[in-house]
Amino acid sequence: MPITILDYVKSVVGEKPIYTVEDFSSAGVEMLGGCQICGATIAPYNAYPSASGYWRCADCIGDSGFTSVEEFTASYRETGHDGQAVADDDTLLLNCPACGGVKNIHEIWENAFKCGDCGSAWRL
């Protein structure tokens, strides 16, 4: 069974009865999103991080999910050159969602990025 975004947030902030927007922000993720494949609105409890770098719903995650938080976090690393985040196989994971740029992407805090070309900022 793949992990959800909520599983990831719990690993960052710990078990709590209620999670706030600050909990999600500190983990570098949003509280709402959309499925990369079907566009369904998804929340942390039914949003699955995929190997593509986008969230997917339960119907669309297929084999591209992660079976543990450790697997999810280990699949990404910062290269230290050009500010680009890449997969362990050196596959580029980031491009600007606004302009499509890839050369001037900088991590401004954990899992939050800013495009040096157009100024757009976003979180994974």
PDB file of N, CA and C in Angstrom:
ATOM      1  N   MET A   1       0.845  -1.178   0.000  1.00  0.00           N
ATOM      2  CA  MET A   1       0.000   0.000   0.000  1.00  0.00           C
ATOM      3  C   MET A   1       0.891   1.241   0.000  1.00  0.00           C
ATOM      4  N   PRO A   2       0.698   2.181  -0.914  1.00  0.00           N
ATOM      5  CA  PRO A   2       1.539   3.380  -0.940  1.00  0.00           C
ATOM      6  C   PRO A   2       1.212   4.337   0.203  1.00  0.00           C
ATOM      7  N   ILE A   3       2.205   5.144   0.561  1.00  0.00           N
ATOM      8  CA  ILE A   3       1.999   6.145   1.608  1.00  0.00           C
ATOM      9  C   ILE A   3       1.197   7.322   1.054  1.00  0.00           C
ATOM     10  N   THR A   4       0.593   8.057   1.973  1.00  0.00           N
ATOM     11  CA  THR A   4      -0.135   9.275   1.605  1.00  0.00           C
ATOM     12  C   THR A   4       0.694  10.493   2.013  1.00  0.00           C
ATOM     13  N   ILE A   5       0.279  11.652   1.565  1.00  0.00           N
ATOM     14  CA  ILE A   5       0.910  12.895   1.988  1.00  0.00           C
ATOM     15  C   ILE A   5       0.766  13.057   3.505  1.00  0.00           C
ATOM     16  N   LEU A   6      -0.368  12.641   4.055  1.00  0.00           N
ATOM     17  CA  LEU A   6      -0.555  12.716   5.505  1.00  0.00           C
ATOM     18  C   LEU A   6       0.459  11.840   6.241  1.00  0.00           C
ATOM     19  N   ASP A   7       0.758  10.662   5.710  1.00  0.00           N
ATOM     20  CA  ASP A   7       1.786   9.806   6.320  1.00  0.00           C
ATOM     21  C   ASP A   7       3.122  10.540   6.365  1.00  0.00           C
ATOM     22  N   TYR A   8       3.443  11.217   5.281  1.00  0.00           N
ATOM     23  CA  TYR A   8       4.691  11.985   5.230  1.00  0.00           C
ATOM     24  C   TYR A   8       4.686  13.113   6.263  1.00  0.00           C
ATOM     25  N   VAL A   9       3.599  13.875   6.338  1.00  0.00           N
ATOM     26  CA  VAL A   9       3.509  14.984   7.300  1.00  0.00           C
ATOM     27  C   VAL A   9       3.637  14.456   8.724  1.00  0.00           C
ATOM     28  N   LYS A  10       2.984  13.348   9.026  1.00  0.00           N
ATOM     29  CA  LYS A  10       3.099  12.750  10.360  1.00  0.00           C
ATOM     30  C   LYS A  10       4.546  12.405  10.689  1.00  0.00           C
ATOM     31  N   SER A  11       5.302  11.961   9.697  1.00  0.00           N
ATOM     32  CA  SER A  11       6.711  11.611   9.935  1.00  0.00           C
ATOM     33  C   SER A  11       7.558  12.845  10.223  1.00  0.00           C
ATOM     34  N   VAL A  12       7.128  13.995   9.728  1.00  0.00           N
ATOM     35  CA  VAL A  12       7.868  15.236   9.940  1.00  0.00           C
ATOM     36  C   VAL A  12       7.488  15.906  11.254  1.00  0.00           C
ATOM     37  N   VAL A  13       6.178  16.021  11.530  1.00  0.00           N
ATOM     38  CA  VAL A  13       5.719  16.776  12.710  1.00  0.00           C
ATOM     39  C   VAL A  13       5.280  15.897  13.868  1.00  0.00           C
ATOM     40  N   GLY A  14       5.176  14.592  13.663  1.00  0.00           N
ATOM     41  CA  GLY A  14       4.750  13.686  14.719  1.00  0.00           C
ATOM     42  C   GLY A  14       3.243  13.465  14.719  1.00  0.00           C
ATOM     43  N   GLU A  15       2.817  12.481  15.496  1.00  0.00           N
ATOM     44  CA  GLU A  15       1.395  12.158  15.617  1.00  0.00           C
ATOM     45  C   GLU A  15       0.689  13.241  16.408  1.00  0.00           C
ATOM     46  N   LYS A  16      -0.436  13.713  15.896  1.00  0.00           N
ATOM     47  CA  LYS A  16      -1.232  14.746  16.559  1.00  0.00           C
ATOM     48  C   LYS A  16      -2.710  14.436  16.329  1.00  0.00           C
ATOM     49  N   PRO A  17      -3.581  14.916  17.204  1.00  0.00           N
ATOM     50  CA  PRO A  17      -5.014  14.711  16.980  1.00  0.00           C
ATOM     51  C   PRO A  17      -5.538  15.526  15.793  1.00  0.00           C
ATOM     52  N   ILE A  18      -4.947  16.706  15.579  1.00  0.00           N
ATOM     53  CA  ILE A  18      -5.358  17.592  14.491  1.00  0.00           C
ATOM     54  C   ILE A  18      -4.109  18.181  13.859  1.00  0.00           C
ATOM     55  N   TYR A  19      -4.099  18.274  12.524  1.00  0.00           N
ATOM     56  CA  TYR A  19      -2.975  18.864  11.807  1.00  0.00           C
ATOM     57  C   TYR A  19      -3.400  20.213  11.232  1.00  0.00           C
ATOM     58  N   THR A  20      -2.527  21.208  11.391  1.00  0.00           N
ATOM     59  CA  THR A  20      -2.828  22.558  10.930  1.00  0.00           C
ATOM     60  C   THR A  20      -2.088  22.853   9.628  1.00  0.00           C
ATOM     61  N   VAL A  21      -2.436  23.987   9.031  1.00  0.00           N
ATOM     62  CA  VAL A  21      -1.745  24.410   7.819  1.00  0.00           C
ATOM     63  C   VAL A  21      -0.253  24.610   8.100  1.00  0.00           C
ATOM     64  N   GLU A  22       0.086  25.038   9.309  1.00  0.00           N
ATOM     65  CA  GLU A  22       1.488  25.205   9.674  1.00  0.00           C
ATOM     66  C   GLU A  22       2.233  23.869   9.677  1.00  0.00           C
ATOM     67  N   ASP A  23       1.549  22.793  10.067  1.00  0.00           N
ATOM     68  CA  ASP A  23       2.168  21.467  10.040  1.00  0.00           C
ATOM     69  C   ASP A  23       2.525  21.078   8.606  1.00  0.00           C
ATOM     70  N   PHE A  24       1.598  21.329   7.695  1.00  0.00           N
ATOM     71  CA  PHE A  24       1.838  20.987   6.295  1.00  0.00           C
ATOM     72  C   PHE A  24       2.909  21.883   5.707  1.00  0.00           C
ATOM     73  N   SER A  25       2.861  23.160   6.044  1.00  0.00           N
ATOM     74  CA  SER A  25       3.852  24.112   5.548  1.00  0.00           C
ATOM     75  C   SER A  25       5.249  23.736   6.025  1.00  0.00           C
ATOM     76  N   SER A  26       5.365  23.352   7.291  1.00  0.00           N
ATOM     77  CA  SER A  26       6.679  22.980   7.812  1.00  0.00           C
ATOM     78  C   SER A  26       7.211  21.708   7.155  1.00  0.00           C
ATOM     79  N   ALA A  27       6.310  20.879   6.652  1.00  0.00           N
ATOM     80  CA  ALA A  27       6.715  19.669   5.935  1.00  0.00           C
ATOM     81  C   ALA A  27       6.928  19.947   4.445  1.00  0.00           C
ATOM     82  N   GLY A  28       6.596  21.171   4.010  1.00  0.00           N
ATOM     83  CA  GLY A  28       6.827  21.548   2.623  1.00  0.00           C
ATOM     84  C   GLY A  28       5.780  21.084   1.641  1.00  0.00           C
ATOM     85  N   VAL A  29       4.562  20.791   2.141  1.00  0.00           N
ATOM     86  CA  VAL A  29       3.487  20.340   1.255  1.00  0.00           C
ATOM     87  C   VAL A  29       2.220  21.153   1.499  1.00  0.00           C
ATOM     88  N   GLU A  30       1.330  21.107   0.562  1.00  0.00           N
ATOM     89  CA  GLU A  30       0.049  21.802   0.667  1.00  0.00           C
ATOM     90  C   GLU A  30      -0.973  20.914   1.365  1.00  0.00           C
ATOM     91  N   MET A  31      -2.119  21.504   1.722  1.00  0.00           N
ATOM     92  CA  MET A  31      -3.210  20.740   2.341  1.00  0.00           C
ATOM     93  C   MET A  31      -4.200  20.224   1.305  1.00  0.00           C
ATOM     94  N   LEU A  32      -4.210  20.800   0.136  1.00  0.00           N
ATOM     95  CA  LEU A  32      -5.078  20.356  -0.953  1.00  0.00           C
ATOM     96  C   LEU A  32      -4.272  20.289  -2.228  1.00  0.00           C
ATOM     97  N   GLY A  33      -4.686  19.406  -3.105  1.00  0.00           N
ATOM     98  CA  GLY A  33      -4.003  19.284  -4.388  1.00  0.00           C
ATOM     99  C   GLY A  33      -4.914  18.653  -5.406  1.00  0.00           C
ATOM    100  N   GLY A  34      -4.326  18.322  -6.519  1.00  0.00           N
ATOM    101  CA  GLY A  34      -5.074  17.686  -7.593  1.00  0.00           C
ATOM    102  C   GLY A  34      -4.291  16.512  -8.139  1.00  0.00           C
ATOM    103  N   CYS A  35      -5.001  15.498  -8.568  1.00  0.00           N
ATOM    104  CA  CYS A  35      -4.371  14.305  -9.136  1.00  0.00           C
ATOM    105  C   CYS A  35      -3.735  14.652 -10.486  1.00  0.00           C
ATOM    106  N   GLN A  36      -2.502  14.243 -10.650  1.00  0.00           N
ATOM    107  CA  GLN A  36      -1.768  14.489 -11.886  1.00  0.00           C
ATOM    108  C   GLN A  36      -2.470  13.859 -13.093  1.00  0.00           C
ATOM    109  N   ILE A  37      -3.113  12.735 -12.908  1.00  0.00           N
ATOM    110  CA  ILE A  37      -3.702  12.005 -14.027  1.00  0.00           C
ATOM    111  C   ILE A  37      -5.136  12.439 -14.320  1.00  0.00           C
ATOM    112  N   CYS A  38      -6.026  12.352 -13.329  1.00  0.00           N
ATOM    113  CA  CYS A  38      -7.450  12.606 -13.580  1.00  0.00           C
ATOM    114  C   CYS A  38      -7.921  13.984 -13.147  1.00  0.00           C
ATOM    115  N   GLY A  39      -7.085  14.709 -12.389  1.00  0.00           N
ATOM    116  CA  GLY A  39      -7.443  16.054 -11.957  1.00  0.00           C
ATOM    117  C   GLY A  39      -8.358  16.122 -10.754  1.00  0.00           C
ATOM    118  N   ALA A  40      -8.658  14.996 -10.127  1.00  0.00           N
ATOM    119  CA  ALA A  40      -9.526  14.987  -8.947  1.00  0.00           C
ATOM    120  C   ALA A  40      -8.905  15.811  -7.822  1.00  0.00           C
ATOM    121  N   THR A  41      -9.734  16.519  -7.073  1.00  0.00           N
ATOM    122  CA  THR A  41      -9.263  17.235  -5.901  1.00  0.00           C
ATOM    123  C   THR A  41      -8.954  16.215  -4.811  1.00  0.00           C
ATOM    124  N   ILE A  42      -7.763  16.323  -4.232  1.00  0.00           N
ATOM    125  CA  ILE A  42      -7.350  15.363  -3.212  1.00  0.00           C
ATOM    126  C   ILE A  42      -6.787  16.106  -2.008  1.00  0.00           C
ATOM    127  N   ALA A  43      -6.980  15.501  -0.851  1.00  0.00           N
ATOM    128  CA  ALA A  43      -6.512  16.026   0.427  1.00  0.00           C
ATOM    129  C   ALA A  43      -5.406  15.106   0.939  1.00  0.00           C
ATOM    130  N   PRO A  44      -4.693  15.490   1.980  1.00  0.00           N
ATOM    131  CA  PRO A  44      -3.553  14.704   2.446  1.00  0.00           C
ATOM    132  C   PRO A  44      -3.848  13.229   2.728  1.00  0.00           C
ATOM    133  N   TYR A  45      -5.050  12.923   3.204  1.00  0.00           N
ATOM    134  CA  TYR A  45      -5.353  11.529   3.547  1.00  0.00           C
ATOM    135  C   TYR A  45      -5.589  10.653   2.308  1.00  0.00           C
ATOM    136  N   ASN A  46      -5.849  11.256   1.146  1.00  0.00           N
ATOM    137  CA  ASN A  46      -6.058  10.449  -0.058  1.00  0.00           C
ATOM    138  C   ASN A  46      -5.208  10.926  -1.226  1.00  0.00           C
ATOM    139  N   ALA A  47      -4.120  11.652  -0.915  1.00  0.00           N
ATOM    140  CA  ALA A  47      -3.160  12.094  -1.919  1.00  0.00           C
ATOM    141  C   ALA A  47      -1.896  11.260  -1.773  1.00  0.00           C
ATOM    142  N   TYR A  48      -1.472  10.651  -2.854  1.00  0.00           N
ATOM    143  CA  TYR A  48      -0.309   9.782  -2.830  1.00  0.00           C
ATOM    144  C   TYR A  48       0.829  10.424  -3.622  1.00  0.00           C
ATOM    145  N   PRO A  49       2.014  10.619  -3.012  1.00  0.00           N
ATOM    146  CA  PRO A  49       3.133  11.136  -3.796  1.00  0.00           C
ATOM    147  C   PRO A  49       3.576  10.055  -4.791  1.00  0.00           C
ATOM    148  N   SER A  50       3.854  10.470  -6.015  1.00  0.00           N
ATOM    149  CA  SER A  50       4.263   9.499  -7.029  1.00  0.00           C
ATOM    150  C   SER A  50       5.702   9.746  -7.456  1.00  0.00           C
ATOM    151  N   ALA A  51       6.273   8.760  -8.107  1.00  0.00           N
ATOM    152  CA  ALA A  51       7.649   8.858  -8.590  1.00  0.00           C
ATOM    153  C   ALA A  51       7.803   9.976  -9.616  1.00  0.00           C
ATOM    154  N   SER A  52       6.720  10.445 -10.199  1.00  0.00           N
ATOM    155  CA  SER A  52       6.786  11.538 -11.166  1.00  0.00           C
ATOM    156  C   SER A  52       7.019  12.885 -10.484  1.00  0.00           C
ATOM    157  N   GLY A  53       6.843  12.930  -9.142  1.00  0.00           N
ATOM    158  CA  GLY A  53       6.980  14.175  -8.408  1.00  0.00           C
ATOM    159  C   GLY A  53       5.660  14.877  -8.158  1.00  0.00           C
ATOM    160  N   TYR A  54       4.572  14.327  -8.669  1.00  0.00           N
ATOM    161  CA  TYR A  54       3.240  14.903  -8.495  1.00  0.00           C
ATOM    162  C   TYR A  54       2.390  13.995  -7.629  1.00  0.00           C
ATOM    163  N   TRP A  55       1.293  14.549  -7.099  1.00  0.00           N
ATOM    164  CA  TRP A  55       0.342  13.759  -6.330  1.00  0.00           C
ATOM    165  C   TRP A  55      -0.588  13.019  -7.285  1.00  0.00           C
ATOM    166  N   ARG A  56      -1.061  11.883  -6.813  1.00  0.00           N
ATOM    167  CA  ARG A  56      -2.068  11.115  -7.550  1.00  0.00           C
ATOM    168  C   ARG A  56      -3.102  10.579  -6.566  1.00  0.00           C
ATOM    169  N   CYS A  57      -4.296  10.313  -7.066  1.00  0.00           N
ATOM    170  CA  CYS A  57      -5.360   9.746  -6.237  1.00  0.00           C
ATOM    171  C   CYS A  57      -5.188   8.229  -6.162  1.00  0.00           C
ATOM    172  N   ALA A  58      -6.003   7.583  -5.348  1.00  0.00           N
ATOM    173  CA  ALA A  58      -5.914   6.132  -5.166  1.00  0.00           C
ATOM    174  C   ALA A  58      -6.162   5.378  -6.468  1.00  0.00           C
ATOM    175  N   ASP A  59      -7.035   5.889  -7.322  1.00  0.00           N
ATOM    176  CA  ASP A  59      -7.324   5.219  -8.585  1.00  0.00           C
ATOM    177  C   ASP A  59      -6.185   5.336  -9.587  1.00  0.00           C
ATOM    178  N   CYS A  60      -5.375   6.381  -9.476  1.00  0.00           N
ATOM    179  CA  CYS A  60      -4.340   6.649 -10.481  1.00  0.00           C
ATOM    180  C   CYS A  60      -2.912   6.369 -10.027  1.00  0.00           C
ATOM    181  N   ILE A  61      -2.679   6.070  -8.737  1.00  0.00           N
ATOM    182  CA  ILE A  61      -1.309   5.918  -8.259  1.00  0.00           C
ATOM    183  C   ILE A  61      -0.626   4.695  -8.861  1.00  0.00           C
ATOM    184  N   GLY A  62      -1.337   3.604  -9.065  1.00  0.00           N
ATOM    185  CA  GLY A  62      -0.743   2.414  -9.678  1.00  0.00           C
ATOM    186  C   GLY A  62       0.532   1.984  -8.970  1.00  0.00           C
ATOM    187  N   ASP A  63       1.591   1.725  -9.750  1.00  0.00           N
ATOM    188  CA  ASP A  63       2.885   1.283  -9.210  1.00  0.00           C
ATOM    189  C   ASP A  63       3.831   2.434  -8.917  1.00  0.00           C
ATOM    190  N   SER A  64       3.387   3.678  -9.117  1.00  0.00           N
ATOM    191  CA  SER A  64       4.319   4.801  -8.998  1.00  0.00           C
ATOM    192  C   SER A  64       4.369   5.409  -7.598  1.00  0.00           C
ATOM    193  N   GLY A  65       3.715   4.791  -6.619  1.00  0.00           N
ATOM    194  CA  GLY A  65       3.737   5.294  -5.246  1.00  0.00           C
ATOM    195  C   GLY A  65       4.936   4.773  -4.478  1.00  0.00           C
ATOM    196  N   PHE A  66       5.050   5.211  -3.238  1.00  0.00           N
ATOM    197  CA  PHE A  66       6.141   4.794  -2.357  1.00  0.00           C
ATOM    198  C   PHE A  66       5.562   3.969  -1.220  1.00  0.00           C
ATOM    199  N   THR A  67       6.251   2.904  -0.843  1.00  0.00           N
ATOM    200  CA  THR A  67       5.731   2.023   0.199  1.00  0.00           C
ATOM    201  C   THR A  67       6.101   2.469   1.604  1.00  0.00           C
ATOM    202  N   SER A  68       7.020   3.433   1.721  1.00  0.00           N
ATOM    203  CA  SER A  68       7.388   3.965   3.034  1.00  0.00           C
ATOM    204  C   SER A  68       7.818   5.419   2.888  1.00  0.00           C
ATOM    205  N   VAL A  69       7.753   6.139   3.994  1.00  0.00           N
ATOM    206  CA  VAL A  69       8.211   7.527   4.004  1.00  0.00           C
ATOM    207  C   VAL A  69       9.702   7.569   3.694  1.00  0.00           C
ATOM    208  N   GLU A  70      10.451   6.626   4.216  1.00  0.00           N
ATOM    209  CA  GLU A  70      11.885   6.564   3.963  1.00  0.00           C
ATOM    210  C   GLU A  70      12.183   6.405   2.475  1.00  0.00           C
ATOM    211  N   GLU A  71      11.418   5.547   1.819  1.00  0.00           N
ATOM    212  CA  GLU A  71      11.588   5.363   0.377  1.00  0.00           C
ATOM    213  C   GLU A  71      11.271   6.664  -0.373  1.00  0.00           C
ATOM    214  N   PHE A  72      10.200   7.334   0.055  1.00  0.00           N
ATOM    215  CA  PHE A  72       9.815   8.600  -0.563  1.00  0.00           C
ATOM    216  C   PHE A  72      10.901   9.654  -0.405  1.00  0.00           C
ATOM    217  N   THR A  73      11.371   9.861   0.819  1.00  0.00           N
ATOM    218  CA  THR A  73      12.358  10.911   1.050  1.00  0.00           C
ATOM    219  C   THR A  73      13.722  10.552   0.460  1.00  0.00           C
ATOM    220  N   ALA A  74      14.066   9.266   0.430  1.00  0.00           N
ATOM    221  CA  ALA A  74      15.348   8.846  -0.136  1.00  0.00           C
ATOM    222  C   ALA A  74      15.367   8.943  -1.659  1.00  0.00           C
ATOM    223  N   SER A  75      14.210   8.969  -2.286  1.00  0.00           N
ATOM    224  CA  SER A  75      14.176   8.994  -3.752  1.00  0.00           C
ATOM    225  C   SER A  75      14.543  10.352  -4.315  1.00  0.00           C
ATOM    226  N   TYR A  76      14.592  11.365  -3.465  1.00  0.00           N
ATOM    227  CA  TYR A  76      14.954  12.716  -3.891  1.00  0.00           C
ATOM    228  C   TYR A  76      16.179  13.180  -3.135  1.00  0.00           C
ATOM    229  N   ARG A  77      17.049  13.853  -3.816  1.00  0.00           N
ATOM    230  CA  ARG A  77      18.195  14.463  -3.140  1.00  0.00           C
ATOM    231  C   ARG A  77      18.554  15.730  -3.899  1.00  0.00           C
ATOM    232  N   GLU A  78      19.178  16.635  -3.202  1.00  0.00           N
ATOM    233  CA  GLU A  78      19.638  17.863  -3.837  1.00  0.00           C
ATOM    234  C   GLU A  78      21.029  17.620  -4.384  1.00  0.00           C
ATOM    235  N   THR A  79      21.279  18.011  -5.614  1.00  0.00           N
ATOM    236  CA  THR A  79      22.560  17.729  -6.254  1.00  0.00           C
ATOM    237  C   THR A  79      23.662  18.654  -5.790  1.00  0.00           C
ATOM    238  N   GLY A  80      23.326  19.872  -5.362  1.00  0.00           N
ATOM    239  CA  GLY A  80      24.356  20.812  -4.962  1.00  0.00           C
ATOM    240  C   GLY A  80      24.883  21.634  -6.129  1.00  0.00           C
ATOM    241  N   HIS A  81      24.491  21.296  -7.359  1.00  0.00           N
ATOM    242  CA  HIS A  81      24.897  22.122  -8.500  1.00  0.00           C
ATOM    243  C   HIS A  81      23.651  22.634  -9.200  1.00  0.00           C
ATOM    244  N   ASP A  82      23.675  23.898  -9.536  1.00  0.00           N
ATOM    245  CA  ASP A  82      22.560  24.587 -10.198  1.00  0.00           C
ATOM    246  C   ASP A  82      21.290  24.617  -9.362  1.00  0.00           C
ATOM    247  N   GLY A  83      21.314  24.158  -8.083  1.00  0.00           N
ATOM    248  CA  GLY A  83      20.127  24.172  -7.248  1.00  0.00           C
ATOM    249  C   GLY A  83      19.050  23.206  -7.713  1.00  0.00           C
ATOM    250  N   GLN A  84      19.389  22.284  -8.594  1.00  0.00           N
ATOM    251  CA  GLN A  84      18.401  21.368  -9.150  1.00  0.00           C
ATOM    252  C   GLN A  84      18.246  20.146  -8.251  1.00  0.00           C
ATOM    253  N   ALA A  85      17.010  19.705  -8.048  1.00  0.00           N
ATOM    254  CA  ALA A  85      16.769  18.456  -7.332  1.00  0.00           C
ATOM    255  C   ALA A  85      16.638  17.357  -8.372  1.00  0.00           C
ATOM    256  N   VAL A  86      17.311  16.252  -8.162  1.00  0.00           N
ATOM    257  CA  VAL A  86      17.270  15.164  -9.136  1.00  0.00           C
ATOM    258  C   VAL A  86      17.031  13.850  -8.421  1.00  0.00           C
ATOM    259  N   ALA A  87      16.541  12.877  -9.156  1.00  0.00           N
ATOM    260  CA  ALA A  87      16.360  11.536  -8.612  1.00  0.00           C
ATOM    261  C   ALA A  87      17.727  10.878  -8.496  1.00  0.00           C
ATOM    262  N   ASP A  88      17.808   9.759  -7.817  1.00  0.00           N
ATOM    263  CA  ASP A  88      19.074   9.068  -7.646  1.00  0.00           C
ATOM    264  C   ASP A  88      19.695   8.666  -8.973  1.00  0.00           C
ATOM    265  N   ASP A  89      18.894   8.526 -10.021  1.00  0.00           N
ATOM    266  CA  ASP A  89      19.417   8.157 -11.333  1.00  0.00           C
ATOM    267  C   ASP A  89      19.736   9.388 -12.183  1.00  0.00           C
ATOM    268  N   ASP A  90      19.819  10.587 -11.545  1.00  0.00           N
ATOM    269  CA  ASP A  90      20.115  11.861 -12.195  1.00  0.00           C
ATOM    270  C   ASP A  90      19.039  12.303 -13.174  1.00  0.00           C
ATOM    271  N   THR A  91      17.816  11.841 -13.013  1.00  0.00           N
ATOM    272  CA  THR A  91      16.700  12.317 -13.806  1.00  0.00           C
ATOM    273  C   THR A  91      16.193  13.614 -13.207  1.00  0.00           C
ATOM    274  N   LEU A  92      16.060  14.665 -14.028  1.00  0.00           N
ATOM    275  CA  LEU A  92      15.593  15.946 -13.525  1.00  0.00           C
ATOM    276  C   LEU A  92      14.157  15.833 -13.053  1.00  0.00           C
ATOM    277  N   LEU A  93      13.889  16.306 -11.836  1.00  0.00           N
ATOM    278  CA  LEU A  93      12.557  16.215 -11.260  1.00  0.00           C
ATOM    279  C   LEU A  93      11.808  17.538 -11.295  1.00  0.00           C
ATOM    280  N   LEU A  94      12.516  18.660 -11.416  1.00  0.00           N
ATOM    281  CA  LEU A  94      11.863  19.948 -11.286  1.00  0.00           C
ATOM    282  C   LEU A  94      11.909  20.758 -12.564  1.00  0.00           C
ATOM    283  N   ASN A  95      10.799  21.346 -12.864  1.00  0.00           N
ATOM    284  CA  ASN A  95      10.732  22.426 -13.833  1.00  0.00           C
ATOM    285  C   ASN A  95       9.643  23.367 -13.355  1.00  0.00           C
ATOM    286  N   CYS A  96       9.754  24.620 -13.725  1.00  0.00           N
ATOM    287  CA  CYS A  96       8.824  25.622 -13.229  1.00  0.00           C
ATOM    288  C   CYS A  96       7.427  25.363 -13.780  1.00  0.00           C
ATOM    289  N   PRO A  97       6.406  25.285 -12.913  1.00  0.00           N
ATOM    290  CA  PRO A  97       5.048  25.052 -13.401  1.00  0.00           C
ATOM    291  C   PRO A  97       4.478  26.257 -14.157  1.00  0.00           C
ATOM    292  N   ALA A  98       5.066  27.436 -13.961  1.00  0.00           N
ATOM    293  CA  ALA A  98       4.558  28.630 -14.641  1.00  0.00           C
ATOM    294  C   ALA A  98       5.181  28.822 -16.018  1.00  0.00           C
ATOM    295  N   CYS A  99       6.524  28.741 -16.102  1.00  0.00           N
ATOM    296  CA  CYS A  99       7.188  29.028 -17.374  1.00  0.00           C
ATOM    297  C   CYS A  99       7.886  27.819 -17.989  1.00  0.00           C
ATOM    298  N   GLY A 100       7.995  26.713 -17.240  1.00  0.00           N
ATOM    299  CA  GLY A 100       8.644  25.509 -17.760  1.00  0.00           C
ATOM    300  C   GLY A 100      10.161  25.525 -17.637  1.00  0.00           C
ATOM    301  N   GLY A 101      10.730  26.601 -17.085  1.00  0.00           N
ATOM    302  CA  GLY A 101      12.180  26.716 -16.955  1.00  0.00           C
ATOM    303  C   GLY A 101      12.768  25.660 -16.054  1.00  0.00           C
ATOM    304  N   VAL A 102      14.025  25.285 -16.324  1.00  0.00           N
ATOM    305  CA  VAL A 102      14.705  24.284 -15.504  1.00  0.00           C
ATOM    306  C   VAL A 102      16.071  24.744 -15.015  1.00  0.00           C
ATOM    307  N   LYS A 103      16.647  25.737 -15.613  1.00  0.00           N
ATOM    308  CA  LYS A 103      18.018  26.146 -15.295  1.00  0.00           C
ATOM    309  C   LYS A 103      18.140  26.931 -13.994  1.00  0.00           C
ATOM    310  N   ASN A 104      17.161  27.749 -13.662  1.00  0.00           N
ATOM    311  CA  ASN A 104      17.274  28.648 -12.516  1.00  0.00           C
ATOM    312  C   ASN A 104      16.277  28.338 -11.405  1.00  0.00           C
ATOM    313  N   ILE A 105      16.110  27.054 -11.090  1.00  0.00           N
ATOM    314  CA  ILE A 105      15.230  26.634 -10.004  1.00  0.00           C
ATOM    315  C   ILE A 105      16.069  26.537  -8.733  1.00  0.00           C
ATOM    316  N   HIS A 106      15.608  27.191  -7.672  1.00  0.00           N
ATOM    317  CA  HIS A 106      16.341  27.186  -6.415  1.00  0.00           C
ATOM    318  C   HIS A 106      15.417  26.776  -5.279  1.00  0.00           C
ATOM    319  N   GLU A 107      15.934  25.919  -4.395  1.00  0.00           N
ATOM    320  CA  GLU A 107      15.174  25.515  -3.214  1.00  0.00           C
ATOM    321  C   GLU A 107      15.291  26.636  -2.190  1.00  0.00           C
ATOM    322  N   ILE A 108      14.147  27.247  -1.822  1.00  0.00           N
ATOM    323  CA  ILE A 108      14.174  28.372  -0.893  1.00  0.00           C
ATOM    324  C   ILE A 108      13.936  27.934   0.544  1.00  0.00           C
ATOM    325  N   TRP A 109      13.315  26.796   0.763  1.00  0.00           N
ATOM    326  CA  TRP A 109      13.258  26.087   2.031  1.00  0.00           C
ATOM    327  C   TRP A 109      12.866  24.666   1.686  1.00  0.00           C
ATOM    328  N   GLU A 110      12.825  23.781   2.644  1.00  0.00           N
ATOM    329  CA  GLU A 110      12.621  22.371   2.354  1.00  0.00           C
ATOM    330  C   GLU A 110      11.367  22.147   1.517  1.00  0.00           C
ATOM    331  N   ASN A 111      11.550  21.547   0.348  1.00  0.00           N
ATOM    332  CA  ASN A 111      10.479  21.206  -0.593  1.00  0.00           C
ATOM    333  C   ASN A 111       9.738  22.423  -1.132  1.00  0.00           C
ATOM    334  N   ALA A 112      10.318  23.593  -1.058  1.00  0.00           N
ATOM    335  CA  ALA A 112       9.731  24.806  -1.625  1.00  0.00           C
ATOM    336  C   ALA A 112      10.742  25.413  -2.587  1.00  0.00           C
ATOM    337  N   PHE A 113      10.288  25.775  -3.772  1.00  0.00           N
ATOM    338  CA  PHE A 113      11.190  26.185  -4.835  1.00  0.00           C
ATOM    339  C   PHE A 113      10.750  27.501  -5.461  1.00  0.00           C
ATOM    340  N   LYS A 114      11.713  28.195  -6.057  1.00  0.00           N
ATOM    341  CA  LYS A 114      11.439  29.449  -6.743  1.00  0.00           C
ATOM    342  C   LYS A 114      12.189  29.450  -8.067  1.00  0.00           C
ATOM    343  N   CYS A 115      11.505  29.930  -9.099  1.00  0.00           N
ATOM    344  CA  CYS A 115      12.096  30.024 -10.425  1.00  0.00           C
ATOM    345  C   CYS A 115      12.793  31.375 -10.570  1.00  0.00           C
ATOM    346  N   GLY A 116      14.067  31.356 -10.905  1.00  0.00           N
ATOM    347  CA  GLY A 116      14.818  32.578 -11.118  1.00  0.00           C
ATOM    348  C   GLY A 116      14.474  33.260 -12.428  1.00  0.00           C
ATOM    349  N   ASP A 117      13.802  32.550 -13.335  1.00  0.00           N
ATOM    350  CA  ASP A 117      13.423  33.132 -14.626  1.00  0.00           C
ATOM    351  C   ASP A 117      12.167  33.981 -14.532  1.00  0.00           C
ATOM    352  N   CYS A 118      11.108  33.449 -13.896  1.00  0.00           N
ATOM    353  CA  CYS A 118       9.837  34.165 -13.877  1.00  0.00           C
ATOM    354  C   CYS A 118       9.405  34.602 -12.473  1.00  0.00           C
ATOM    355  N   GLY A 119      10.089  34.129 -11.423  1.00  0.00           N
ATOM    356  CA  GLY A 119       9.751  34.516 -10.059  1.00  0.00           C
ATOM    357  C   GLY A 119       8.684  33.664  -9.405  1.00  0.00           C
ATOM    358  N   SER A 120       8.144  32.679 -10.092  1.00  0.00           N
ATOM    359  CA  SER A 120       7.110  31.807  -9.530  1.00  0.00           C
ATOM    360  C   SER A 120       7.694  30.961  -8.398  1.00  0.00           C
ATOM    361  N   ALA A 121       6.877  30.692  -7.360  1.00  0.00           N
ATOM    362  CA  ALA A 121       7.297  29.854  -6.243  1.00  0.00           C
ATOM    363  C   ALA A 121       6.250  28.769  -6.031  1.00  0.00           C
ATOM    364  N   TRP A 122       6.668  27.589  -5.605  1.00  0.00           N
ATOM    365  CA  TRP A 122       5.750  26.470  -5.380  1.00  0.00           C
ATOM    366  C   TRP A 122       6.381  25.477  -4.417  1.00  0.00           C
ATOM    367  N   ARG A 123       5.556  24.559  -3.907  1.00  0.00           N
ATOM    368  CA  ARG A 123       6.000  23.487  -3.002  1.00  0.00           C
ATOM    369  C   ARG A 123       5.702  22.138  -3.622  1.00  0.00           C
ATOM    370  N   LEU A 124       6.516  21.178  -3.262  1.00  0.00           N
ATOM    371  CA  LEU A 124       6.255  19.792  -3.669  1.00  0.00           C
ATOM    372  C   LEU A 124       5.463  19.111  -2.603  1.00  0.00           C
TER     373      LEU A 124
END
